[in-house]
Amino acid sequence: MADIWRFAIKDDMVRSGKKQRQRISRNGCNEPFKNRYWCPKCQWFQKEPCPFINRRECDNYKAMCGSL
C-alpha cells in the first residue's frame, strides 16, 4: 500500500509530499504547517504549539504524569 501523503523532518529539511523547505525549529517540535504544529513524539499535527521547550521536558512531563 502506497502512502497518500507523508510529512517528514530529516536533517535540516522538512518534506511534505513532494515539496520541501528548510526546517524552522531547532529540534523539529512545533514545526508549523498550514496552521498546525508538528509533534515528533506523536508523529502527527497539533492544533496549538506544544508548551514544552524541548523533547526532554516533554519526556519528563510524561514520566511524571503518565500520559500526554
Protein backbone atom coordinates (compact mmCIF):
# COMPACT_ATOMS: atom_id res chain seq x y z
CA MET A 1 0.00 0.00 0.00
CA ALA A 2 1.45 3.35 -1.00
CA ASP A 3 1.40 6.46 1.16
CA ILE A 4 -1.20 9.02 0.20
CA TRP A 5 0.68 11.84 1.89
CA ARG A 6 3.80 11.98 4.05
CA PHE A 7 5.29 14.62 6.37
CA ALA A 8 8.88 14.09 7.50
CA ILE A 9 11.79 16.00 9.01
CA LYS A 10 15.24 14.77 8.08
CA ASP A 11 18.43 16.68 8.79
CA ASP A 12 17.51 20.34 8.15
CA MET A 13 14.76 19.72 5.60
CA VAL A 14 11.00 19.43 6.10
CA ARG A 15 9.27 17.36 3.45
CA SER A 16 5.53 17.29 2.87
CA GLY A 17 4.54 15.23 -0.11
CA LYS A 18 6.76 16.31 -3.00
CA LYS A 19 7.54 19.74 -1.51
CA GLN A 20 10.43 20.55 0.80
CA ARG A 21 11.74 23.53 2.76
CA GLN A 22 14.29 24.41 5.43
CA ARG A 23 13.44 23.41 8.99
CA ILE A 24 12.48 26.39 11.18
CA SER A 25 12.60 24.89 14.67
CA ARG A 26 15.78 23.52 16.19
CA ASN A 27 14.50 20.10 17.23
CA GLY A 28 11.50 19.57 14.94
CA CYS A 29 8.93 20.24 17.67
CA ASN A 30 6.20 22.73 16.77
CA GLU A 31 7.28 22.87 13.15
CA PRO A 32 4.48 24.94 11.53
CA PHE A 33 2.50 23.57 8.62
CA LYS A 34 -0.83 25.05 7.41
CA ASN A 35 -1.96 26.45 10.79
CA ARG A 36 -0.96 23.25 12.62
CA TYR A 37 2.16 22.26 14.58
CA TRP A 38 4.11 19.04 14.10
CA CYS A 39 4.75 16.87 17.16
CA PRO A 40 7.59 14.39 16.52
CA LYS A 41 6.60 12.40 19.62
CA CYS A 42 3.03 11.79 18.38
CA GLN A 43 4.09 11.79 14.71
CA TRP A 44 1.09 13.99 13.97
CA PHE A 45 -0.11 17.59 13.98
CA GLN A 46 -1.49 19.53 16.95
CA LYS A 47 -3.90 22.47 16.84
CA GLU A 48 -1.74 24.55 19.20
CA PRO A 49 2.01 24.76 19.74
CA CYS A 50 3.44 22.49 22.41
CA PRO A 51 4.13 24.32 25.70
CA PHE A 52 7.41 22.47 26.28
CA ILE A 53 10.77 23.97 25.37
CA ASN A 54 12.32 20.70 24.13
CA ARG A 55 11.75 16.93 23.86
CA ARG A 56 13.42 16.23 27.22
CA GLU A 57 10.95 18.49 29.01
CA CYS A 58 8.11 16.69 27.21
CA ASP A 59 9.53 13.28 28.22
CA ASN A 60 9.92 14.41 31.85
CA TYR A 61 6.29 15.56 31.95
CA LYS A 62 5.10 12.24 30.54
CA ALA A 63 7.21 10.33 33.09
CA MET A 64 5.74 12.34 35.98
CA CYS A 65 2.10 12.34 34.81
CA GLY A 66 1.91 9.04 32.95
CA SER A 67 0.49 10.41 29.69
CA LEU A 68 0.11 13.46 27.49
